């Protein structure tokens, strides 16, 4: 049950992050937005990507920590 809880939690978080990235991508293609705003949106998009990567790394570490991946041990 713990495995499924962690798995569903990470799927939800990654979907949320992906949605933020998609919105930022859509907005940055608008030509009527100020250049400073576009630069900030691109920066936020990179931060969101980093957040997704960190969530996935954290998920794997949690699985290893709870010994839910029996074939990997540190």
PDB file of N, CA and C in Angstrom:
ATOM      1  N   UNK A   1       0.819  -1.185   0.000  1.00  0.00           N
ATOM      2  CA  UNK A   1       0.000   0.000   0.000  1.00  0.00           C
ATOM      3  C   UNK A   1       0.875   1.267   0.000  1.00  0.00           C
ATOM      4  N   UNK A   2       2.003   1.216   0.720  1.00  0.00           N
ATOM      5  CA  UNK A   2       2.911   2.365   0.763  1.00  0.00           C
ATOM      6  C   UNK A   2       3.454   2.662  -0.628  1.00  0.00           C
ATOM      7  N   UNK A   3       3.832   1.611  -1.353  1.00  0.00           N
ATOM      8  CA  UNK A   3       4.353   1.786  -2.706  1.00  0.00           C
ATOM      9  C   UNK A   3       3.354   2.532  -3.580  1.00  0.00           C
ATOM     10  N   UNK A   4       2.086   2.113  -3.540  1.00  0.00           N
ATOM     11  CA  UNK A   4       1.075   2.746  -4.381  1.00  0.00           C
ATOM     12  C   UNK A   4       0.802   4.174  -3.938  1.00  0.00           C
ATOM     13  N   UNK A   5       0.847   4.416  -2.654  1.00  0.00           N
ATOM     14  CA  UNK A   5       0.661   5.789  -2.173  1.00  0.00           C
ATOM     15  C   UNK A   5       1.768   6.706  -2.660  1.00  0.00           C
ATOM     16  N   UNK A   6       3.004   6.241  -2.548  1.00  0.00           N
ATOM     17  CA  UNK A   6       4.135   7.039  -3.028  1.00  0.00           C
ATOM     18  C   UNK A   6       4.072   7.223  -4.548  1.00  0.00           C
ATOM     19  N   UNK A   7       3.710   6.161  -5.249  1.00  0.00           N
ATOM     20  CA  UNK A   7       3.662   6.219  -6.704  1.00  0.00           C
ATOM     21  C   UNK A   7       2.584   7.180  -7.191  1.00  0.00           C
ATOM     22  N   UNK A   8       1.401   7.076  -6.648  1.00  0.00           N
ATOM     23  CA  UNK A   8       0.325   7.979  -7.053  1.00  0.00           C
ATOM     24  C   UNK A   8       0.652   9.420  -6.671  1.00  0.00           C
ATOM     25  N   UNK A   9       1.294   9.610  -5.526  1.00  0.00           N
ATOM     26  CA  UNK A   9       1.696  10.951  -5.111  1.00  0.00           C
ATOM     27  C   UNK A   9       2.677  11.577  -6.083  1.00  0.00           C
ATOM     28  N   UNK A  10       3.680  10.815  -6.513  1.00  0.00           N
ATOM     29  CA  UNK A  10       4.674  11.367  -7.442  1.00  0.00           C
ATOM     30  C   UNK A  10       4.051  11.613  -8.807  1.00  0.00           C
ATOM     31  N   UNK A  11       3.138  10.754  -9.235  1.00  0.00           N
ATOM     32  CA  UNK A  11       2.470  10.978 -10.523  1.00  0.00           C
ATOM     33  C   UNK A  11       1.698  12.296 -10.485  1.00  0.00           C
ATOM     34  N   UNK A  12       0.988  12.539  -9.401  1.00  0.00           N
ATOM     35  CA  UNK A  12       0.242  13.797  -9.261  1.00  0.00           C
ATOM     36  C   UNK A  12       1.156  15.011  -9.252  1.00  0.00           C
ATOM     37  N   UNK A  13       2.256  14.915  -8.543  1.00  0.00           N
ATOM     38  CA  UNK A  13       3.198  16.042  -8.477  1.00  0.00           C
ATOM     39  C   UNK A  13       3.824  16.318  -9.835  1.00  0.00           C
ATOM     40  N   UNK A  14       4.223  15.262 -10.533  1.00  0.00           N
ATOM     41  CA  UNK A  14       4.842  15.445 -11.851  1.00  0.00           C
ATOM     42  C   UNK A  14       3.818  16.000 -12.848  1.00  0.00           C
ATOM     43  N   UNK A  15       2.585  15.537 -12.783  1.00  0.00           N
ATOM     44  CA  UNK A  15       1.548  16.089 -13.657  1.00  0.00           C
ATOM     45  C   UNK A  15       1.326  17.572 -13.389  1.00  0.00           C
ATOM     46  N   UNK A  16       1.317  17.948 -12.135  1.00  0.00           N
ATOM     47  CA  UNK A  16       1.165  19.355 -11.779  1.00  0.00           C
ATOM     48  C   UNK A  16       2.331  20.179 -12.313  1.00  0.00           C
ATOM     49  N   UNK A  17       3.547  19.674 -12.131  1.00  0.00           N
ATOM     50  CA  UNK A  17       4.722  20.375 -12.656  1.00  0.00           C
ATOM     51  C   UNK A  17       4.698  20.468 -14.164  1.00  0.00           C
ATOM     52  N   UNK A  18       4.299  19.396 -14.834  1.00  0.00           N
ATOM     53  CA  UNK A  18       4.224  19.390 -16.294  1.00  0.00           C
ATOM     54  C   UNK A  18       3.189  20.402 -16.781  1.00  0.00           C
ATOM     55  N   UNK A  19       2.092  20.524 -16.059  1.00  0.00           N
ATOM     56  CA  UNK A  19       1.065  21.499 -16.422  1.00  0.00           C
ATOM     57  C   UNK A  19       1.604  22.917 -16.318  1.00  0.00           C
ATOM     58  N   UNK A  20       2.346  23.200 -15.272  1.00  0.00           N
ATOM     59  CA  UNK A  20       2.958  24.521 -15.113  1.00  0.00           C
ATOM     60  C   UNK A  20       3.898  24.805 -16.283  1.00  0.00           C
ATOM     61  N   UNK A  21       4.695  23.819 -16.655  1.00  0.00           N
ATOM     62  CA  UNK A  21       5.628  24.002 -17.767  1.00  0.00           C
ATOM     63  C   UNK A  21       4.868  24.235 -19.071  1.00  0.00           C
ATOM     64  N   UNK A  22       3.794  23.502 -19.299  1.00  0.00           N
ATOM     65  CA  UNK A  22       3.014  23.681 -20.517  1.00  0.00           C
ATOM     66  C   UNK A  22       2.393  25.075 -20.585  1.00  0.00           C
ATOM     67  N   UNK A  23       1.889  25.557 -19.471  1.00  0.00           N
ATOM     68  CA  UNK A  23       1.305  26.904 -19.436  1.00  0.00           C
ATOM     69  C   UNK A  23       2.379  27.951 -19.704  1.00  0.00           C
ATOM     70  N   UNK A  24       3.531  27.787 -19.070  1.00  0.00           N
ATOM     71  CA  UNK A  24       4.613  28.742 -19.290  1.00  0.00           C
ATOM     72  C   UNK A  24       5.073  28.724 -20.753  1.00  0.00           C
ATOM     73  N   UNK A  25       5.132  27.547 -21.347  1.00  0.00           N
ATOM     74  CA  UNK A  25       5.532  27.448 -22.756  1.00  0.00           C
ATOM     75  C   UNK A  25       4.534  28.163 -23.656  1.00  0.00           C
ATOM     76  N   UNK A  26       3.269  27.977 -23.376  1.00  0.00           N
ATOM     77  CA  UNK A  26       2.211  28.611 -24.177  1.00  0.00           C
ATOM     78  C   UNK A  26       2.284  30.135 -24.050  1.00  0.00           C
ATOM     79  N   UNK A  27       2.475  30.620 -22.832  1.00  0.00           N
ATOM     80  CA  UNK A  27       2.505  32.068 -22.598  1.00  0.00           C
ATOM     81  C   UNK A  27       3.740  32.698 -23.224  1.00  0.00           C
ATOM     82  N   UNK A  28       4.890  32.009 -23.188  1.00  0.00           N
ATOM     83  CA  UNK A  28       6.106  32.602 -23.743  1.00  0.00           C
ATOM     84  C   UNK A  28       6.045  32.740 -25.264  1.00  0.00           C
ATOM     85  N   UNK A  29       5.131  32.042 -25.913  1.00  0.00           N
ATOM     86  CA  UNK A  29       4.985  32.192 -27.359  1.00  0.00           C
ATOM     87  C   UNK A  29       4.090  33.378 -27.729  1.00  0.00           C
ATOM     88  N   UNK A  30       3.455  33.988 -26.746  1.00  0.00           N
ATOM     89  CA  UNK A  30       2.655  35.190 -26.993  1.00  0.00           C
ATOM     90  C   UNK A  30       3.584  36.351 -27.319  1.00  0.00           C
ATOM     91  N   UNK A  31       3.272  37.099 -28.310  1.00  0.00           N
ATOM     92  CA  UNK A  31       4.120  38.220 -28.724  1.00  0.00           C
ATOM     93  C   UNK A  31       3.722  39.535 -28.052  1.00  0.00           C
ATOM     94  N   UNK A  32       2.587  39.559 -27.398  1.00  0.00           N
ATOM     95  CA  UNK A  32       2.105  40.802 -26.786  1.00  0.00           C
ATOM     96  C   UNK A  32       2.556  40.976 -25.342  1.00  0.00           C
ATOM     97  N   UNK A  33       3.433  40.110 -24.875  1.00  0.00           N
ATOM     98  CA  UNK A  33       3.876  40.166 -23.478  1.00  0.00           C
ATOM     99  C   UNK A  33       5.242  40.824 -23.422  1.00  0.00           C
ATOM    100  N   UNK A  34       5.443  41.627 -22.387  1.00  0.00           N
ATOM    101  CA  UNK A  34       6.691  42.348 -22.172  1.00  0.00           C
ATOM    102  C   UNK A  34       7.888  41.394 -22.118  1.00  0.00           C
ATOM    103  N   UNK A  35       9.036  41.847 -22.621  1.00  0.00           N
ATOM    104  CA  UNK A  35      10.241  41.027 -22.661  1.00  0.00           C
ATOM    105  C   UNK A  35      10.703  40.568 -21.283  1.00  0.00           C
ATOM    106  N   UNK A  36      10.587  41.443 -20.283  1.00  0.00           N
ATOM    107  CA  UNK A  36      10.989  41.064 -18.925  1.00  0.00           C
ATOM    108  C   UNK A  36      10.117  39.939 -18.384  1.00  0.00           C
ATOM    109  N   UNK A  37       8.838  40.020 -18.693  1.00  0.00           N
ATOM    110  CA  UNK A  37       7.919  38.969 -18.244  1.00  0.00           C
ATOM    111  C   UNK A  37       8.275  37.650 -18.928  1.00  0.00           C
ATOM    112  N   UNK A  38       8.594  37.707 -20.209  1.00  0.00           N
ATOM    113  CA  UNK A  38       8.967  36.491 -20.929  1.00  0.00           C
ATOM    114  C   UNK A  38      10.235  35.867 -20.357  1.00  0.00           C
ATOM    115  N   UNK A  39      11.209  36.703 -20.019  1.00  0.00           N
ATOM    116  CA  UNK A  39      12.440  36.179 -19.417  1.00  0.00           C
ATOM    117  C   UNK A  39      12.141  35.502 -18.087  1.00  0.00           C
ATOM    118  N   UNK A  40      11.275  36.100 -17.290  1.00  0.00           N
ATOM    119  CA  UNK A  40      10.915  35.521 -15.995  1.00  0.00           C
ATOM    120  C   UNK A  40      10.158  34.205 -16.179  1.00  0.00           C
ATOM    121  N   UNK A  41       9.286  34.147 -17.166  1.00  0.00           N
ATOM    122  CA  UNK A  41       8.529  32.920 -17.427  1.00  0.00           C
ATOM    123  C   UNK A  41       9.478  31.786 -17.841  1.00  0.00           C
ATOM    124  N   UNK A  42      10.469  32.096 -18.665  1.00  0.00           N
ATOM    125  CA  UNK A  42      11.433  31.080 -19.074  1.00  0.00           C
ATOM    126  C   UNK A  42      12.247  30.603 -17.879  1.00  0.00           C
ATOM    127  N   UNK A  43      12.583  31.528 -16.983  1.00  0.00           N
ATOM    128  CA  UNK A  43      13.311  31.165 -15.763  1.00  0.00           C
ATOM    129  C   UNK A  43      12.460  30.247 -14.887  1.00  0.00           C
ATOM    130  N   UNK A  44      11.192  30.589 -14.726  1.00  0.00           N
ATOM    131  CA  UNK A  44      10.284  29.770 -13.926  1.00  0.00           C
ATOM    132  C   UNK A  44      10.105  28.388 -14.549  1.00  0.00           C
ATOM    133  N   UNK A  45      10.121  28.318 -15.866  1.00  0.00           N
ATOM    134  CA  UNK A  45       9.995  27.033 -16.551  1.00  0.00           C
ATOM    135  C   UNK A  45      11.194  26.138 -16.222  1.00  0.00           C
ATOM    136  N   UNK A  46      12.391  26.707 -16.214  1.00  0.00           N
ATOM    137  CA  UNK A  46      13.589  25.930 -15.864  1.00  0.00           C
ATOM    138  C   UNK A  46      13.525  25.460 -14.412  1.00  0.00           C
ATOM    139  N   UNK A  47      13.041  26.321 -13.533  1.00  0.00           N
ATOM    140  CA  UNK A  47      12.913  25.948 -12.118  1.00  0.00           C
ATOM    141  C   UNK A  47      11.895  24.820 -11.958  1.00  0.00           C
ATOM    142  N   UNK A  48      10.802  24.882 -12.711  1.00  0.00           N
ATOM    143  CA  UNK A  48       9.793  23.822 -12.650  1.00  0.00           C
ATOM    144  C   UNK A  48      10.367  22.494 -13.135  1.00  0.00           C
ATOM    145  N   UNK A  49      11.174  22.530 -14.199  1.00  0.00           N
ATOM    146  CA  UNK A  49      11.816  21.306 -14.682  1.00  0.00           C
ATOM    147  C   UNK A  49      12.741  20.719 -13.619  1.00  0.00           C
ATOM    148  N   UNK A  50      13.496  21.586 -12.961  1.00  0.00           N
ATOM    149  CA  UNK A  50      14.389  21.135 -11.892  1.00  0.00           C
ATOM    150  C   UNK A  50      13.568  20.529 -10.749  1.00  0.00           C
ATOM    151  N   UNK A  51      12.437  21.132 -10.440  1.00  0.00           N
ATOM    152  CA  UNK A  51      11.563  20.598  -9.398  1.00  0.00           C
ATOM    153  C   UNK A  51      11.062  19.201  -9.723  1.00  0.00           C
ATOM    154  N   UNK A  52      10.700  18.977 -10.986  1.00  0.00           N
ATOM    155  CA  UNK A  52      10.238  17.655 -11.402  1.00  0.00           C
ATOM    156  C   UNK A  52      11.362  16.627 -11.257  1.00  0.00           C
ATOM    157  N   UNK A  53      12.547  17.008 -11.678  1.00  0.00           N
ATOM    158  CA  UNK A  53      13.698  16.094 -11.552  1.00  0.00           C
ATOM    159  C   UNK A  53      13.946  15.754 -10.088  1.00  0.00           C
ATOM    160  N   UNK A  54      13.903  16.758  -9.218  1.00  0.00           N
ATOM    161  CA  UNK A  54      14.130  16.516  -7.786  1.00  0.00           C
ATOM    162  C   UNK A  54      13.035  15.640  -7.180  1.00  0.00           C
ATOM    163  N   UNK A  55      11.774  15.824  -7.620  1.00  0.00           N
ATOM    164  CA  UNK A  55      10.686  14.983  -7.120  1.00  0.00           C
ATOM    165  C   UNK A  55      10.908  13.528  -7.501  1.00  0.00           C
ATOM    166  N   UNK A  56      11.343  13.294  -8.724  1.00  0.00           N
ATOM    167  CA  UNK A  56      11.578  11.923  -9.182  1.00  0.00           C
ATOM    168  C   UNK A  56      12.748  11.298  -8.415  1.00  0.00           C
ATOM    169  N   UNK A  57      13.810  12.064  -8.214  1.00  0.00           N
ATOM    170  CA  UNK A  57      14.946  11.559  -7.435  1.00  0.00           C
ATOM    171  C   UNK A  57      14.499  11.241  -6.010  1.00  0.00           C
ATOM    172  N   UNK A  58      13.706  12.126  -5.416  1.00  0.00           N
ATOM    173  CA  UNK A  58      13.199  11.892  -4.068  1.00  0.00           C
ATOM    174  C   UNK A  58      12.329  10.650  -3.990  1.00  0.00           C
ATOM    175  N   UNK A  59      11.530  10.433  -5.016  1.00  0.00           N
ATOM    176  CA  UNK A  59      10.674   9.243  -5.074  1.00  0.00           C
ATOM    177  C   UNK A  59      11.514   7.972  -5.067  1.00  0.00           C
ATOM    178  N   UNK A  60      12.536   7.942  -5.907  1.00  0.00           N
ATOM    179  CA  UNK A  60      13.409   6.771  -5.967  1.00  0.00           C
ATOM    180  C   UNK A  60      14.097   6.561  -4.619  1.00  0.00           C
ATOM    181  N   UNK A  61      14.568   7.645  -4.002  1.00  0.00           N
ATOM    182  CA  UNK A  61      15.218   7.519  -2.698  1.00  0.00           C
ATOM    183  C   UNK A  61      14.256   7.002  -1.631  1.00  0.00           C
ATOM    184  N   UNK A  62      12.993   7.434  -1.682  1.00  0.00           N
ATOM    185  CA  UNK A  62      11.997   6.925  -0.734  1.00  0.00           C
ATOM    186  C   UNK A  62      11.774   5.434  -0.941  1.00  0.00           C
ATOM    187  N   UNK A  63      11.673   5.012  -2.188  1.00  0.00           N
ATOM    188  CA  UNK A  63      11.472   3.585  -2.464  1.00  0.00           C
ATOM    189  C   UNK A  63      12.640   2.762  -1.938  1.00  0.00           C
ATOM    190  N   UNK A  64      13.849   3.260  -2.154  1.00  0.00           N
ATOM    191  CA  UNK A  64      15.035   2.551  -1.659  1.00  0.00           C
ATOM    192  C   UNK A  64      15.034   2.551  -0.135  1.00  0.00           C
ATOM    193  N   UNK A  65      14.690   3.675   0.467  1.00  0.00           N
ATOM    194  CA  UNK A  65      14.704   3.804   1.923  1.00  0.00           C
ATOM    195  C   UNK A  65      13.711   2.861   2.593  1.00  0.00           C
ATOM    196  N   UNK A  66      12.544   2.679   1.964  1.00  0.00           N
ATOM    197  CA  UNK A  66      11.539   1.762   2.515  1.00  0.00           C
ATOM    198  C   UNK A  66      11.753   0.332   2.017  1.00  0.00           C
ATOM    199  N   UNK A  67      12.839   0.112   1.281  1.00  0.00           N
ATOM    200  CA  UNK A  67      13.187  -1.192   0.728  1.00  0.00           C
ATOM    201  C   UNK A  67      12.076  -1.745  -0.157  1.00  0.00           C
ATOM    202  N   UNK A  68      11.464  -0.854  -0.927  1.00  0.00           N
ATOM    203  CA  UNK A  68      10.416  -1.280  -1.859  1.00  0.00           C
ATOM    204  C   UNK A  68      10.998  -1.655  -3.221  1.00  0.00           C
ATOM    205  N   UNK A  69      12.260  -1.373  -3.397  1.00  0.00           N
ATOM    206  CA  UNK A  69      12.979  -1.831  -4.593  1.00  0.00           C
ATOM    207  C   UNK A  69      14.023  -2.823  -4.105  1.00  0.00           C
ATOM    208  N   UNK A  70      13.631  -4.041  -3.936  1.00  0.00           N
ATOM    209  CA  UNK A  70      14.480  -5.057  -3.353  1.00  0.00           C
ATOM    210  C   UNK A  70      15.766  -5.315  -4.098  1.00  0.00           C
ATOM    211  N   UNK A  71      15.772  -5.039  -5.403  1.00  0.00           N
ATOM    212  CA  UNK A  71      16.970  -5.317  -6.182  1.00  0.00           C
ATOM    213  C   UNK A  71      18.017  -4.216  -6.088  1.00  0.00           C
ATOM    214  N   UNK A  72      17.688  -3.077  -5.472  1.00  0.00           N
ATOM    215  CA  UNK A  72      18.652  -1.989  -5.279  1.00  0.00           C
ATOM    216  C   UNK A  72      18.863  -1.777  -3.786  1.00  0.00           C
ATOM    217  N   UNK A  73      20.084  -1.796  -3.349  1.00  0.00           N
ATOM    218  CA  UNK A  73      20.348  -1.500  -1.935  1.00  0.00           C
ATOM    219  C   UNK A  73      21.660  -0.742  -1.833  1.00  0.00           C
ATOM    220  N   UNK A  74      21.668   0.211  -0.931  1.00  0.00           N
ATOM    221  CA  UNK A  74      22.860   1.035  -0.707  1.00  0.00           C
ATOM    222  C   UNK A  74      23.381   0.819   0.692  1.00  0.00           C
TER     223      UNK A  74
END
